[in-house]
N, C-alpha and C. Protein backbone atom coordinates (compact mmCIF):
# COMPACT_ATOMS: atom_id res chain seq x y z
N MET A 1 135.58 11.40 -133.91
CA MET A 1 134.94 10.04 -134.06
C MET A 1 134.18 9.68 -135.14
N LYS A 2 134.78 8.28 -134.92
CA LYS A 2 134.22 7.67 -136.25
C LYS A 2 132.51 6.76 -135.46
N VAL A 3 131.42 7.03 -136.14
CA VAL A 3 130.19 6.49 -135.61
C VAL A 3 129.60 5.65 -136.53
N VAL A 4 129.12 4.78 -136.18
CA VAL A 4 127.90 4.00 -137.31
C VAL A 4 126.95 3.16 -136.57
N SER A 5 125.68 3.07 -136.65
CA SER A 5 124.95 2.44 -135.94
C SER A 5 124.01 1.73 -136.70
N GLU A 6 123.80 0.85 -136.28
CA GLU A 6 122.56 -0.65 -137.30
C GLU A 6 121.74 -0.43 -137.36
N GLN A 7 121.11 0.93 -136.68
CA GLN A 7 119.42 1.53 -137.02
C GLN A 7 119.26 2.63 -137.20
N GLU A 8 117.98 3.45 -137.76
CA GLU A 8 118.36 4.84 -137.80
C GLU A 8 118.59 5.16 -136.85
N LEU A 9 119.38 6.57 -136.45
CA LEU A 9 119.25 6.97 -134.93
C LEU A 9 119.48 8.65 -135.29
N ARG A 10 118.66 9.72 -134.69
CA ARG A 10 118.74 10.94 -134.52
C ARG A 10 119.16 11.11 -132.87
N VAL A 11 120.15 11.96 -133.19
CA VAL A 11 121.17 12.33 -131.94
C VAL A 11 120.61 13.94 -131.94
N ALA A 12 119.91 14.30 -130.69
CA ALA A 12 119.02 15.96 -130.79
C ALA A 12 120.37 16.28 -129.56
N LEU A 13 121.01 17.24 -129.96
CA LEU A 13 121.46 18.15 -128.69
C LEU A 13 120.68 19.19 -128.30
N THR A 14 121.13 19.91 -126.88
CA THR A 14 120.36 21.00 -126.53
C THR A 14 120.65 22.45 -126.96
N SER A 15 121.37 22.53 -128.04
CA SER A 15 121.88 23.50 -129.02
C SER A 15 120.81 23.41 -130.17
N GLY A 16 120.30 22.99 -130.35
CA GLY A 16 119.00 22.59 -131.51
C GLY A 16 119.77 21.48 -132.47
N ALA A 17 120.92 21.29 -132.52
CA ALA A 17 121.57 20.42 -133.67
C ALA A 17 120.92 18.92 -133.56
N VAL A 18 120.78 18.30 -134.63
CA VAL A 18 120.23 17.57 -134.66
C VAL A 18 121.40 16.36 -135.78
N VAL A 19 121.74 15.19 -135.70
CA VAL A 19 122.34 14.50 -136.43
C VAL A 19 121.64 13.36 -136.44
N LEU A 20 121.70 12.66 -138.29
CA LEU A 20 120.91 11.52 -138.69
C LEU A 20 122.02 11.07 -138.70
N PHE A 21 122.20 9.38 -138.16
CA PHE A 21 122.76 8.54 -138.56
C PHE A 21 121.62 7.52 -139.34
N HIS A 22 121.86 7.17 -140.52
CA HIS A 22 121.40 5.69 -141.34
C HIS A 22 121.98 4.89 -141.24
N PRO A 23 121.17 3.91 -140.70
CA PRO A 23 121.58 2.38 -140.72
C PRO A 23 123.02 1.78 -141.24
N GLY A 24 124.25 1.35 -140.99
CA GLY A 24 125.27 0.87 -141.56
C GLY A 24 126.08 1.90 -142.18
N VAL A 25 125.75 3.48 -142.19
CA VAL A 25 126.48 4.32 -142.72
C VAL A 25 127.43 4.96 -141.59
N GLU A 26 128.72 4.80 -141.87
CA GLU A 26 129.69 5.66 -140.82
C GLU A 26 129.55 7.19 -141.11
N ARG A 27 129.88 7.75 -140.05
CA ARG A 27 129.66 9.37 -139.75
C ARG A 27 130.92 9.68 -138.95
N GLN A 28 131.72 10.52 -139.33
CA GLN A 28 132.41 11.05 -138.58
C GLN A 28 131.85 12.28 -137.75
N VAL A 29 132.02 12.40 -136.74
CA VAL A 29 130.77 13.50 -135.47
C VAL A 29 132.02 14.26 -134.67
N SER A 30 131.76 14.89 -133.92
CA SER A 30 132.77 15.57 -132.89
C SER A 30 132.17 14.56 -131.64
N GLU A 31 133.11 14.67 -130.79
CA GLU A 31 133.53 13.82 -129.46
C GLU A 31 131.71 13.51 -128.95
N GLU A 32 131.42 15.26 -128.65
CA GLU A 32 130.09 15.03 -128.21
C GLU A 32 129.01 14.53 -128.61
N ILE A 33 128.79 14.61 -129.79
CA ILE A 33 127.58 13.67 -130.69
C ILE A 33 128.27 12.04 -130.65
N GLY A 34 129.24 11.84 -130.80
CA GLY A 34 129.77 10.60 -131.00
C GLY A 34 129.39 9.64 -129.47
N LEU A 35 129.48 10.57 -128.18
CA LEU A 35 129.36 10.02 -127.01
C LEU A 35 127.94 9.86 -126.87
N ILE A 36 127.05 10.84 -127.38
CA ILE A 36 125.57 10.64 -126.87
C ILE A 36 125.13 9.38 -127.85
N ALA A 37 125.71 9.54 -129.11
CA ALA A 37 125.44 8.15 -130.13
C ALA A 37 125.95 7.07 -130.07
N LEU A 38 126.94 6.81 -129.13
CA LEU A 38 127.00 5.38 -128.48
C LEU A 38 126.51 5.50 -126.94
N GLN A 39 125.87 6.27 -126.37
CA GLN A 39 124.97 6.02 -125.17
C GLN A 39 123.65 5.64 -125.60
N MET A 40 123.15 5.85 -127.10
CA MET A 40 121.72 5.43 -127.88
C MET A 40 122.11 4.06 -128.17
N GLY A 41 123.38 3.61 -128.83
CA GLY A 41 123.20 1.93 -129.43
C GLY A 41 124.10 2.58 -130.47
N ALA A 42 124.65 3.16 -130.83
CA ALA A 42 126.00 3.15 -131.90
C ALA A 42 126.97 2.85 -131.19
N LYS A 43 128.08 2.35 -132.39
CA LYS A 43 129.37 1.88 -132.14
C LYS A 43 130.34 2.81 -132.90
N GLN A 44 131.34 3.18 -131.87
CA GLN A 44 132.37 3.40 -132.44
C GLN A 44 133.53 2.58 -133.64
N THR A 45 134.06 3.57 -134.62
CA THR A 45 134.79 2.11 -135.38
C THR A 45 135.73 2.99 -135.84
N SER A 46 137.01 2.54 -136.41
CA SER A 46 138.31 3.16 -136.89
C SER A 46 138.28 3.24 -138.14
N GLY A 47 138.11 2.28 -138.72
CA GLY A 47 138.38 2.03 -140.20
C GLY A 47 136.98 1.80 -141.16
N PRO A 48 137.47 1.30 -142.42
CA PRO A 48 136.12 0.77 -143.22
C PRO A 48 134.98 -0.26 -142.23
N VAL A 49 133.88 0.42 -142.69
CA VAL A 49 133.00 -0.43 -141.98
C VAL A 49 132.19 -0.94 -143.23
N GLU A 50 131.68 -2.54 -142.07
CA GLU A 50 130.51 -3.00 -143.33
C GLU A 50 129.62 -4.27 -142.26
N VAL A 51 128.35 -2.84 -141.87
CA VAL A 51 127.93 -3.37 -140.88
C VAL A 51 126.23 -3.91 -141.65
N VAL A 52 125.37 -4.61 -141.42
CA VAL A 52 124.62 -5.25 -142.12
C VAL A 52 123.37 -4.93 -141.49
N ALA A 53 122.64 -3.72 -142.04
CA ALA A 53 121.14 -3.27 -141.28
C ALA A 53 120.22 -4.21 -141.16
N ASP A 54 119.43 -4.04 -140.67
CA ASP A 54 117.97 -4.53 -140.64
C ASP A 54 117.52 -4.33 -141.75
N LYS A 55 117.29 -3.23 -141.98
CA LYS A 55 116.57 -2.73 -143.41
C LYS A 55 117.23 -1.56 -143.98
N ASP A 56 116.98 -1.58 -145.39
CA ASP A 56 117.62 -0.31 -145.97
C ASP A 56 116.57 1.04 -145.80
N TYR A 57 117.67 2.18 -145.59
CA TYR A 57 116.77 2.94 -145.32
C TYR A 57 116.39 3.60 -147.00
N GLU A 58 115.24 4.80 -146.78
CA GLU A 58 114.78 5.39 -148.19
C GLU A 58 116.10 6.11 -148.39
N THR A 59 116.05 6.25 -149.90
CA THR A 59 116.99 7.06 -150.41
C THR A 59 115.81 8.51 -150.47
N PRO A 60 116.67 9.35 -150.83
CA PRO A 60 116.04 10.61 -151.05
C PRO A 60 115.20 10.89 -152.03
N ALA A 61 113.90 11.04 -151.85
CA ALA A 61 113.04 11.19 -153.20
C ALA A 61 113.68 12.43 -154.47
N GLU A 62 113.21 11.76 -155.53
CA GLU A 62 113.71 12.61 -156.43
C GLU A 62 113.11 13.69 -156.45
N PRO A 63 113.24 15.09 -157.15
CA PRO A 63 113.43 16.21 -156.93
C PRO A 63 111.53 16.46 -157.53
N ASN A 64 111.17 15.85 -158.72
CA ASN A 64 110.03 15.82 -159.16
C ASN A 64 109.05 15.04 -158.40
N GLN A 65 109.27 14.17 -157.39
CA GLN A 65 108.44 13.66 -156.32
C GLN A 65 108.18 14.47 -155.29
N LEU A 66 109.21 15.36 -154.92
CA LEU A 66 108.98 16.25 -154.06
C LEU A 66 108.14 17.47 -154.47
N VAL A 67 108.60 17.61 -155.93
CA VAL A 67 107.62 18.73 -155.97
C VAL A 67 106.11 18.36 -156.20
N GLU A 68 105.57 17.19 -156.51
CA GLU A 68 104.51 16.52 -156.57
C GLU A 68 103.70 16.91 -155.36
N VAL A 69 104.68 16.51 -153.89
CA VAL A 69 104.06 16.53 -152.66
C VAL A 69 104.03 17.89 -152.36
N MET A 70 104.74 19.09 -152.57
CA MET A 70 104.31 20.35 -152.82
C MET A 70 102.69 20.80 -153.26
N GLN A 71 102.66 20.35 -154.73
CA GLN A 71 101.55 20.68 -155.45
C GLN A 71 100.29 20.13 -154.69
N GLU A 72 100.15 18.75 -153.98
CA GLU A 72 99.62 18.26 -153.30
C GLU A 72 98.84 19.04 -152.38
N LEU A 73 100.23 19.77 -151.96
CA LEU A 73 99.92 20.80 -150.36
C LEU A 73 99.05 21.73 -150.91
N ILE A 74 99.45 22.14 -152.14
CA ILE A 74 98.68 23.46 -152.63
C ILE A 74 97.21 23.05 -152.94
N THR A 75 96.94 22.07 -153.59
CA THR A 75 95.93 21.20 -154.05
C THR A 75 94.69 21.08 -152.75
N GLU A 76 95.55 20.54 -151.54
CA GLU A 76 94.45 20.46 -150.47
C GLU A 76 94.45 21.92 -149.55
N GLY A 77 95.44 22.56 -149.63
CA GLY A 77 94.69 23.98 -149.13
C GLY A 77 94.86 24.28 -147.85
N ASP A 78 95.32 23.13 -147.18
CA ASP A 78 94.56 22.94 -145.44
C ASP A 78 95.41 24.30 -145.06
N PRO A 79 94.89 25.30 -144.52
CA PRO A 79 95.91 26.48 -143.73
C PRO A 79 96.68 25.83 -142.48
N ASP A 80 96.59 24.91 -142.09
CA ASP A 80 97.06 24.62 -140.80
C ASP A 80 98.31 23.74 -141.23
N ASN A 81 98.85 23.41 -142.72
CA ASN A 81 100.03 23.10 -143.28
C ASN A 81 101.14 23.77 -143.79
N PHE A 82 100.64 25.47 -143.43
CA PHE A 82 101.11 26.46 -143.74
C PHE A 82 101.80 27.36 -142.89
N LYS A 83 103.04 28.40 -142.88
CA LYS A 83 103.34 28.89 -142.04
C LYS A 83 102.61 30.39 -142.20
N ALA A 84 102.93 31.45 -141.34
CA ALA A 84 102.38 32.50 -141.76
C ALA A 84 102.63 33.25 -143.19
N ASP A 85 104.18 32.95 -143.58
CA ASP A 85 104.56 33.61 -144.68
C ASP A 85 104.03 32.76 -145.86
N GLY A 86 103.24 31.76 -145.81
CA GLY A 86 102.69 31.16 -146.81
C GLY A 86 103.32 30.12 -147.61
N THR A 87 104.60 29.69 -146.72
CA THR A 87 105.34 28.59 -147.05
C THR A 87 104.58 27.29 -146.33
N PRO A 88 104.92 26.05 -146.87
CA PRO A 88 104.61 24.87 -146.34
C PRO A 88 105.51 24.29 -144.76
N LYS A 89 104.85 24.16 -143.44
CA LYS A 89 105.62 23.87 -142.60
C LYS A 89 106.32 22.29 -142.88
N ALA A 90 107.51 22.78 -142.48
CA ALA A 90 108.62 21.67 -142.36
C ALA A 90 108.14 20.18 -141.80
N ALA A 91 107.67 20.17 -141.45
CA ALA A 91 107.01 18.90 -140.13
C ALA A 91 105.90 18.27 -141.48
N VAL A 92 104.97 18.97 -142.09
CA VAL A 92 104.16 18.54 -143.23
C VAL A 92 104.65 18.43 -144.37
N VAL A 93 105.88 19.06 -144.84
CA VAL A 93 106.52 18.18 -145.73
C VAL A 93 107.11 16.78 -145.37
N ASN A 94 107.74 16.79 -144.74
CA ASN A 94 108.62 15.78 -144.10
C ASN A 94 107.62 14.22 -143.86
N LYS A 95 106.73 15.11 -143.36
CA LYS A 95 105.46 14.22 -143.28
C LYS A 95 105.41 13.58 -144.69
N ALA A 96 104.32 14.74 -145.49
CA ALA A 96 104.04 13.67 -146.73
C ALA A 96 105.34 13.13 -147.65
N ALA A 97 106.64 13.43 -147.52
CA ALA A 97 107.77 12.92 -148.21
C ALA A 97 108.12 12.07 -147.69
N GLY A 98 107.55 11.41 -146.40
CA GLY A 98 108.24 10.09 -145.88
C GLY A 98 109.43 10.28 -145.15
N ARG A 99 110.51 11.35 -145.15
CA ARG A 99 111.32 11.24 -144.51
C ARG A 99 111.80 12.94 -144.30
N THR A 100 113.31 13.07 -143.79
CA THR A 100 113.68 14.55 -143.56
C THR A 100 114.03 15.27 -144.40
N VAL A 101 113.36 16.50 -144.88
CA VAL A 101 113.69 17.00 -146.53
C VAL A 101 114.34 18.45 -145.72
N ALA A 102 115.55 18.52 -146.27
CA ALA A 102 116.71 19.48 -146.01
C ALA A 102 115.60 21.06 -146.59
N ALA A 103 116.09 22.01 -145.61
CA ALA A 103 115.52 23.21 -145.82
C ALA A 103 115.67 24.09 -147.23
N ASP A 104 116.78 23.76 -147.96
CA ASP A 104 117.25 24.40 -149.18
C ASP A 104 116.66 23.45 -150.40
N GLU A 105 116.43 22.13 -149.97
CA GLU A 105 115.52 20.90 -150.94
C GLU A 105 114.11 21.38 -151.07
N ARG A 106 113.72 21.81 -149.56
CA ARG A 106 111.90 21.94 -149.68
C ARG A 106 111.68 23.55 -150.24
N ALA A 107 112.60 24.39 -150.08
CA ALA A 107 112.29 25.76 -150.87
C ALA A 107 112.71 25.70 -152.40
N ALA A 108 113.21 24.73 -152.77
CA ALA A 108 113.37 24.81 -154.16
C ALA A 108 112.21 24.11 -154.93
N ALA A 109 111.83 22.84 -153.85
CA ALA A 109 110.71 22.13 -154.52
C ALA A 109 109.39 23.18 -154.51
N TRP A 110 109.64 24.12 -153.32
CA TRP A 110 108.15 24.77 -153.43
C TRP A 110 107.90 25.91 -154.35
N GLU A 111 109.15 26.53 -154.82
CA GLU A 111 109.54 27.16 -155.99
C GLU A 111 108.95 26.64 -156.89
N THR A 112 109.30 25.42 -157.67
CA THR A 112 109.39 24.52 -158.69
C THR A 112 107.42 24.71 -158.47
N ALA A 113 107.23 24.06 -157.80
CA ALA A 113 105.74 23.84 -157.69
C ALA A 113 104.95 25.07 -157.56
N LEU A 114 105.39 26.26 -157.16
CA LEU A 114 104.30 27.30 -157.46
C LEU A 114 104.49 28.25 -158.82
N ASN A 115 105.89 27.84 -159.50
CA ASN A 115 105.58 28.01 -160.97
C ASN A 115 105.30 27.00 -162.08
N SER A 116 105.03 26.01 -161.45
CA SER A 116 104.50 24.82 -162.77
C SER A 116 102.97 25.07 -163.05
């Protein structure tokens, strides 16, 4: 099912899966996710989409910006920002970066920050 939303939309399933829809960006998703997205205000599409969103979504931060976020966390040194293994909590990184950061991107930026 092809779905598009005019605003940023997060569809969360009881299985723990979460799908993010950026404004005006068409996504091919399963029927289950598509139906939930439709219930949340998205629209089903069948071809190319030209939706004008109310606002532009932020593009992912440059790798250097994410490394700077990690270095700031290290500098602050607040133990509440880190997991038991010493890595920063995902929610803390997401908030500081102003977006949802993928686990592999977060891990790479963390390694770079530690080694710089």
